[in-house]
PDB file of N, CA and C in Angstrom:
ATOM      1  N   UNK A   1      97.744 182.634 140.593  1.00  0.00           N
ATOM      2  CA  UNK A   1      97.553 181.333 141.196  1.00  0.00           C
ATOM      3  C   UNK A   1      97.682 181.483 142.719  1.00  0.00           C
ATOM      4  N   UNK A   2      96.733 180.935 143.472  1.00  0.00           N
ATOM      5  CA  UNK A   2      96.794 181.085 144.922  1.00  0.00           C
ATOM      6  C   UNK A   2      97.959 180.301 145.518  1.00  0.00           C
ATOM      7  N   UNK A   3      98.440 180.805 146.641  1.00  0.00           N
ATOM      8  CA  UNK A   3      99.563 180.163 147.316  1.00  0.00           C
ATOM      9  C   UNK A   3      99.005 179.134 148.292  1.00  0.00           C
ATOM     10  N   UNK A   4      98.937 177.869 147.891  1.00  0.00           N
ATOM     11  CA  UNK A   4      98.348 176.819 148.707  1.00  0.00           C
ATOM     12  C   UNK A   4      99.410 175.779 149.029  1.00  0.00           C
ATOM     13  N   UNK A   5      99.737 175.632 150.321  1.00  0.00           N
ATOM     14  CA  UNK A   5     100.723 174.650 150.737  1.00  0.00           C
ATOM     15  C   UNK A   5     100.241 173.240 150.432  1.00  0.00           C
ATOM     16  N   UNK A   6     101.188 172.371 150.100  1.00  0.00           N
ATOM     17  CA  UNK A   6     100.897 170.982 149.783  1.00  0.00           C
ATOM     18  C   UNK A   6     101.409 170.091 150.910  1.00  0.00           C
ATOM     19  N   UNK A   7     100.644 169.061 151.243  1.00  0.00           N
ATOM     20  CA  UNK A   7     101.006 168.143 152.320  1.00  0.00           C
ATOM     21  C   UNK A   7     101.104 166.726 151.769  1.00  0.00           C
ATOM     22  N   UNK A   8     102.168 166.016 152.151  1.00  0.00           N
ATOM     23  CA  UNK A   8     102.301 164.587 151.856  1.00  0.00           C
ATOM     24  C   UNK A   8     101.888 163.872 153.132  1.00  0.00           C
ATOM     25  N   UNK A   9     100.785 163.123 153.056  1.00  0.00           N
ATOM     26  CA  UNK A   9     100.191 162.512 154.244  1.00  0.00           C
ATOM     27  C   UNK A   9      99.966 161.012 154.034  1.00  0.00           C
ATOM     28  N   UNK A  10      99.921 160.251 155.155  1.00  0.00           N
ATOM     29  CA  UNK A  10      99.606 158.829 155.029  1.00  0.00           C
ATOM     30  C   UNK A  10      98.192 158.649 154.490  1.00  0.00           C
ATOM     31  N   UNK A  11      98.005 157.565 153.737  1.00  0.00           N
ATOM     32  CA  UNK A  11      96.713 157.267 153.114  1.00  0.00           C
ATOM     33  C   UNK A  11      96.518 155.752 153.179  1.00  0.00           C
ATOM     34  N   UNK A  12      95.290 155.261 153.255  1.00  0.00           N
ATOM     35  CA  UNK A  12      95.078 153.805 153.308  1.00  0.00           C
ATOM     36  C   UNK A  12      95.723 153.044 152.142  1.00  0.00           C
ATOM     37  N   UNK A  13      95.870 153.702 150.995  1.00  0.00           N
ATOM     38  CA  UNK A  13      96.475 153.054 149.821  1.00  0.00           C
ATOM     39  C   UNK A  13      97.946 153.423 149.639  1.00  0.00           C
ATOM     40  N   UNK A  14      98.574 154.017 150.648  1.00  0.00           N
ATOM     41  CA  UNK A  14      99.987 154.395 150.549  1.00  0.00           C
ATOM     42  C   UNK A  14     100.195 155.788 151.102  1.00  0.00           C
ATOM     43  N   UNK A  15     100.503 156.736 150.204  1.00  0.00           N
ATOM     44  CA  UNK A  15     100.755 158.130 150.571  1.00  0.00           C
ATOM     45  C   UNK A  15      99.986 159.033 149.625  1.00  0.00           C
ATOM     46  N   UNK A  16      99.523 160.174 150.133  1.00  0.00           N
ATOM     47  CA  UNK A  16      98.726 161.090 149.320  1.00  0.00           C
ATOM     48  C   UNK A  16      99.303 162.494 149.371  1.00  0.00           C
ATOM     49  N   UNK A  17      99.046 163.238 148.305  1.00  0.00           N
ATOM     50  CA  UNK A  17      99.349 164.671 148.253  1.00  0.00           C
ATOM     51  C   UNK A  17      98.015 165.377 148.409  1.00  0.00           C
ATOM     52  N   UNK A  18      97.980 166.347 149.333  1.00  0.00           N
ATOM     53  CA  UNK A  18      96.732 167.034 149.643  1.00  0.00           C
ATOM     54  C   UNK A  18      97.008 168.518 149.799  1.00  0.00           C
ATOM     55  N   UNK A  19      96.239 169.344 149.144  1.00  0.00           N
ATOM     56  CA  UNK A  19      96.364 170.786 149.283  1.00  0.00           C
ATOM     57  C   UNK A  19      95.823 171.235 150.631  1.00  0.00           C
ATOM     58  N   UNK A  20      96.447 172.235 151.241  1.00  0.00           N
ATOM     59  CA  UNK A  20      96.011 172.743 152.542  1.00  0.00           C
ATOM     60  C   UNK A  20      94.554 173.186 152.469  1.00  0.00           C
ATOM     61  N   UNK A  21      93.746 172.716 153.402  1.00  0.00           N
ATOM     62  CA  UNK A  21      92.340 173.089 153.457  1.00  0.00           C
ATOM     63  C   UNK A  21      91.424 172.250 152.590  1.00  0.00           C
ATOM     64  N   UNK A  22      91.985 171.405 151.735  1.00  0.00           N
ATOM     65  CA  UNK A  22      91.157 170.560 150.876  1.00  0.00           C
ATOM     66  C   UNK A  22      90.685 169.327 151.635  1.00  0.00           C
ATOM     67  N   UNK A  23      89.457 168.892 151.360  1.00  0.00           N
ATOM     68  CA  UNK A  23      88.956 167.650 151.942  1.00  0.00           C
ATOM     69  C   UNK A  23      89.442 166.451 151.140  1.00  0.00           C
ATOM     70  N   UNK A  24      89.512 166.608 149.823  1.00  0.00           N
ATOM     71  CA  UNK A  24      89.926 165.507 148.950  1.00  0.00           C
ATOM     72  C   UNK A  24      91.418 165.592 148.667  1.00  0.00           C
ATOM     73  N   UNK A  25      92.022 164.416 148.436  1.00  0.00           N
ATOM     74  CA  UNK A  25      93.448 164.383 148.105  1.00  0.00           C
ATOM     75  C   UNK A  25      93.626 164.690 146.621  1.00  0.00           C
ATOM     76  N   UNK A  26      94.789 165.232 146.281  1.00  0.00           N
ATOM     77  CA  UNK A  26      95.110 165.552 144.899  1.00  0.00           C
ATOM     78  C   UNK A  26      95.534 164.298 144.148  1.00  0.00           C
ATOM     79  N   UNK A  27      96.382 163.470 144.796  1.00  0.00           N
ATOM     80  CA  UNK A  27      96.844 162.235 144.172  1.00  0.00           C
ATOM     81  C   UNK A  27      97.275 161.250 145.254  1.00  0.00           C
ATOM     82  N   UNK A  28      97.264 159.951 144.895  1.00  0.00           N
ATOM     83  CA  UNK A  28      97.662 158.878 145.810  1.00  0.00           C
ATOM     84  C   UNK A  28      98.806 158.102 145.165  1.00  0.00           C
ATOM     85  N   UNK A  29      99.813 157.738 145.986  1.00  0.00           N
ATOM     86  CA  UNK A  29     101.009 157.063 145.483  1.00  0.00           C
ATOM     87  C   UNK A  29     101.353 155.875 146.379  1.00  0.00           C
ATOM     88  N   UNK A  30     102.029 154.890 145.812  1.00  0.00           N
ATOM     89  CA  UNK A  30     102.413 153.704 146.573  1.00  0.00           C
ATOM     90  C   UNK A  30     103.462 154.025 147.629  1.00  0.00           C
ATOM     91  N   UNK A  31     104.432 154.893 147.288  1.00  0.00           N
ATOM     92  CA  UNK A  31     105.517 155.191 148.217  1.00  0.00           C
ATOM     93  C   UNK A  31     105.517 156.668 148.591  1.00  0.00           C
ATOM     94  N   UNK A  32     106.126 156.955 149.733  1.00  0.00           N
ATOM     95  CA  UNK A  32     106.248 158.341 150.167  1.00  0.00           C
ATOM     96  C   UNK A  32     107.147 159.120 149.210  1.00  0.00           C
ATOM     97  N   UNK A  33     108.167 158.461 148.694  1.00  0.00           N
ATOM     98  CA  UNK A  33     109.082 159.115 147.758  1.00  0.00           C
ATOM     99  C   UNK A  33     108.347 159.602 146.512  1.00  0.00           C
ATOM    100  N   UNK A  34     107.443 158.780 145.968  1.00  0.00           N
ATOM    101  CA  UNK A  34     106.666 159.181 144.793  1.00  0.00           C
ATOM    102  C   UNK A  34     105.736 160.348 145.131  1.00  0.00           C
ATOM    103  N   UNK A  35     105.127 160.301 146.323  1.00  0.00           N
ATOM    104  CA  UNK A  35     104.221 161.372 146.739  1.00  0.00           C
ATOM    105  C   UNK A  35     104.987 162.684 146.925  1.00  0.00           C
ATOM    106  N   UNK A  36     106.198 162.607 147.485  1.00  0.00           N
ATOM    107  CA  UNK A  36     107.010 163.815 147.674  1.00  0.00           C
ATOM    108  C   UNK A  36     107.360 164.427 146.322  1.00  0.00           C
ATOM    109  N   UNK A  37     107.729 163.588 145.353  1.00  0.00           N
ATOM    110  CA  UNK A  37     108.079 164.100 144.018  1.00  0.00           C
ATOM    111  C   UNK A  37     106.880 164.806 143.379  1.00  0.00           C
ATOM    112  N   UNK A  38     105.692 164.207 143.495  1.00  0.00           N
ATOM    113  CA  UNK A  38     104.494 164.824 142.922  1.00  0.00           C
ATOM    114  C   UNK A  38     104.142 166.108 143.662  1.00  0.00           C
ATOM    115  N   UNK A  39     104.228 166.075 144.986  1.00  0.00           N
ATOM    116  CA  UNK A  39     103.924 167.260 145.791  1.00  0.00           C
ATOM    117  C   UNK A  39     104.889 168.399 145.527  1.00  0.00           C
ATOM    118  N   UNK A  40     106.162 168.058 145.277  1.00  0.00           N
ATOM    119  CA  UNK A  40     107.174 169.080 144.985  1.00  0.00           C
ATOM    120  C   UNK A  40     106.820 169.830 143.706  1.00  0.00           C
ATOM    121  N   UNK A  41     106.407 169.095 142.680  1.00  0.00           N
ATOM    122  CA  UNK A  41     106.023 169.727 141.415  1.00  0.00           C
ATOM    123  C   UNK A  41     104.862 170.700 141.611  1.00  0.00           C
ATOM    124  N   UNK A  42     103.870 170.289 142.383  1.00  0.00           N
ATOM    125  CA  UNK A  42     102.716 171.150 142.632  1.00  0.00           C
ATOM    126  C   UNK A  42     103.141 172.385 143.431  1.00  0.00           C
ATOM    127  N   UNK A  43     103.966 172.169 144.472  1.00  0.00           N
ATOM    128  CA  UNK A  43     104.425 173.288 145.303  1.00  0.00           C
ATOM    129  C   UNK A  43     105.246 174.281 144.482  1.00  0.00           C
ATOM    130  N   UNK A  44     106.057 173.790 143.571  1.00  0.00           N
ATOM    131  CA  UNK A  44     106.839 174.678 142.705  1.00  0.00           C
ATOM    132  C   UNK A  44     105.896 175.510 141.843  1.00  0.00           C
ATOM    133  N   UNK A  45     104.871 174.874 141.279  1.00  0.00           N
ATOM    134  CA  UNK A  45     103.910 175.597 140.437  1.00  0.00           C
ATOM    135  C   UNK A  45     103.140 176.652 141.229  1.00  0.00           C
ATOM    136  N   UNK A  46     102.774 176.330 142.468  1.00  0.00           N
ATOM    137  CA  UNK A  46     102.030 177.263 143.320  1.00  0.00           C
ATOM    138  C   UNK A  46     102.945 178.237 144.049  1.00  0.00           C
ATOM    139  N   UNK A  47     104.271 178.005 143.976  1.00  0.00           N
ATOM    140  CA  UNK A  47     105.256 178.819 144.707  1.00  0.00           C
ATOM    141  C   UNK A  47     104.909 178.812 146.194  1.00  0.00           C
ATOM    142  N   UNK A  48     104.719 177.608 146.730  1.00  0.00           N
ATOM    143  CA  UNK A  48     104.290 177.442 148.115  1.00  0.00           C
ATOM    144  C   UNK A  48     105.215 176.480 148.850  1.00  0.00           C
ATOM    145  N   UNK A  49     104.764 175.942 149.980  1.00  0.00           N
ATOM    146  CA  UNK A  49     105.565 175.015 150.767  1.00  0.00           C
ATOM    147  C   UNK A  49     105.073 173.587 150.588  1.00  0.00           C
ATOM    148  N   UNK A  50     106.010 172.644 150.752  1.00  0.00           N
ATOM    149  CA  UNK A  50     105.688 171.227 150.768  1.00  0.00           C
ATOM    150  C   UNK A  50     105.981 170.723 152.171  1.00  0.00           C
ATOM    151  N   UNK A  51     104.960 170.196 152.833  1.00  0.00           N
ATOM    152  CA  UNK A  51     105.102 169.677 154.188  1.00  0.00           C
ATOM    153  C   UNK A  51     104.945 168.162 154.140  1.00  0.00           C
ATOM    154  N   UNK A  52     105.970 167.445 154.579  1.00  0.00           N
ATOM    155  CA  UNK A  52     105.954 165.987 154.568  1.00  0.00           C
ATOM    156  C   UNK A  52     105.667 165.490 155.976  1.00  0.00           C
ATOM    157  N   UNK A  53     104.652 164.645 156.108  1.00  0.00           N
ATOM    158  CA  UNK A  53     104.245 164.100 157.395  1.00  0.00           C
ATOM    159  C   UNK A  53     104.777 162.670 157.540  1.00  0.00           C
ATOM    160  N   UNK A  54     104.927 162.201 158.793  1.00  0.00           N
ATOM    161  CA  UNK A  54     105.304 160.811 159.015  1.00  0.00           C
ATOM    162  C   UNK A  54     104.037 159.971 159.163  1.00  0.00           C
ATOM    163  N   UNK A  55     104.185 158.676 159.441  1.00  0.00           N
ATOM    164  CA  UNK A  55     103.019 157.780 159.558  1.00  0.00           C
ATOM    165  C   UNK A  55     102.063 158.196 160.668  1.00  0.00           C
ATOM    166  N   UNK A  56     102.581 158.864 161.712  1.00  0.00           N
ATOM    167  CA  UNK A  56     101.740 159.307 162.818  1.00  0.00           C
ATOM    168  C   UNK A  56     101.054 160.641 162.519  1.00  0.00           C
ATOM    169  N   UNK A  57     101.353 161.237 161.373  1.00  0.00           N
ATOM    170  CA  UNK A  57     100.709 162.484 160.971  1.00  0.00           C
ATOM    171  C   UNK A  57     101.448 163.743 161.376  1.00  0.00           C
ATOM    172  N   UNK A  58     102.593 163.593 162.057  1.00  0.00           N
ATOM    173  CA  UNK A  58     103.370 164.768 162.458  1.00  0.00           C
ATOM    174  C   UNK A  58     104.274 165.225 161.315  1.00  0.00           C
ATOM    175  N   UNK A  59     104.474 166.540 161.208  1.00  0.00           N
ATOM    176  CA  UNK A  59     105.332 167.079 160.157  1.00  0.00           C
ATOM    177  C   UNK A  59     106.775 166.701 160.454  1.00  0.00           C
ATOM    178  N   UNK A  60     107.441 166.094 159.465  1.00  0.00           N
ATOM    179  CA  UNK A  60     108.841 165.711 159.651  1.00  0.00           C
ATOM    180  C   UNK A  60     109.787 166.550 158.817  1.00  0.00           C
ATOM    181  N   UNK A  61     109.245 167.215 157.794  1.00  0.00           N
ATOM    182  CA  UNK A  61     110.090 168.031 156.921  1.00  0.00           C
ATOM    183  C   UNK A  61     109.230 169.067 156.216  1.00  0.00           C
ATOM    184  N   UNK A  62     109.813 170.257 155.996  1.00  0.00           N
ATOM    185  CA  UNK A  62     109.111 171.265 155.203  1.00  0.00           C
ATOM    186  C   UNK A  62     110.108 171.957 154.285  1.00  0.00           C
ATOM    187  N   UNK A  63     109.665 172.165 153.055  1.00  0.00           N
ATOM    188  CA  UNK A  63     110.489 172.818 152.043  1.00  0.00           C
ATOM    189  C   UNK A  63     109.676 173.927 151.393  1.00  0.00           C
ATOM    190  N   UNK A  64     110.326 175.071 151.196  1.00  0.00           N
ATOM    191  CA  UNK A  64     109.652 176.216 150.614  1.00  0.00           C
ATOM    192  C   UNK A  64     110.080 176.377 149.154  1.00  0.00           C
ATOM    193  N   UNK A  65     109.101 176.615 148.293  1.00  0.00           N
ATOM    194  CA  UNK A  65     109.370 176.836 146.874  1.00  0.00           C
ATOM    195  C   UNK A  65     108.792 178.175 146.431  1.00  0.00           C
ATOM    196  N   UNK A  66     108.636 179.101 147.383  1.00  0.00           N
ATOM    197  CA  UNK A  66     108.038 180.405 147.089  1.00  0.00           C
ATOM    198  C   UNK A  66     109.077 181.499 147.056  1.00  0.00           C
ATOM    199  N   UNK A  67     108.616 182.701 147.299  1.00  0.00           N
ATOM    200  CA  UNK A  67     109.479 183.870 147.315  1.00  0.00           C
ATOM    201  C   UNK A  67     110.086 184.023 148.702  1.00  0.00           C
ATOM    202  N   UNK A  68     111.158 183.331 148.971  1.00  0.00           N
ATOM    203  CA  UNK A  68     111.824 183.422 150.258  1.00  0.00           C
ATOM    204  C   UNK A  68     112.654 184.694 150.315  1.00  0.00           C
ATOM    205  N   UNK A  69     112.707 185.321 151.486  1.00  0.00           N
ATOM    206  CA  UNK A  69     113.533 186.526 151.603  1.00  0.00           C
ATOM    207  C   UNK A  69     115.015 186.164 151.507  1.00  0.00           C
ATOM    208  N   UNK A  70     115.790 187.020 150.865  1.00  0.00           N
ATOM    209  CA  UNK A  70     117.227 186.806 150.779  1.00  0.00           C
ATOM    210  C   UNK A  70     117.919 188.077 151.199  1.00  0.00           C
ATOM    211  N   UNK A  71     118.797 188.075 152.125  1.00  0.00           N
ATOM    212  CA  UNK A  71     119.228 186.902 152.883  1.00  0.00           C
ATOM    213  C   UNK A  71     118.180 186.492 153.912  1.00  0.00           C
ATOM    214  N   UNK A  72     118.186 185.195 154.291  1.00  0.00           N
ATOM    215  CA  UNK A  72     117.194 184.727 155.248  1.00  0.00           C
ATOM    216  C   UNK A  72     117.393 185.366 156.629  1.00  0.00           C
ATOM    217  N   UNK A  73     116.291 185.553 157.343  1.00  0.00           N
ATOM    218  CA  UNK A  73     116.368 186.125 158.688  1.00  0.00           C
ATOM    219  C   UNK A  73     116.906 185.086 159.657  1.00  0.00           C
ATOM    220  N   UNK A  74     117.648 185.552 160.664  1.00  0.00           N
ATOM    221  CA  UNK A  74     118.112 184.679 161.743  1.00  0.00           C
ATOM    222  C   UNK A  74     119.347 184.010 161.386  1.00  0.00           C
TER     223      UNK A  74
END
């Protein structure tokens, strides 16, 4: 399965989950909380990152669900 980061982004109908590089959204949700939960499941399956954006489109949070190095660098 390819490692494709998932983004939670603002959408005219609420919030959407969108795979990195995709033109179409994967799913649309009424609340950001619902979109984050759906995006987290997808990111876990892809072993990738979930990037949550604010209403202005800037990244406000990122979580990794992949093969992170242990111990972490820095």
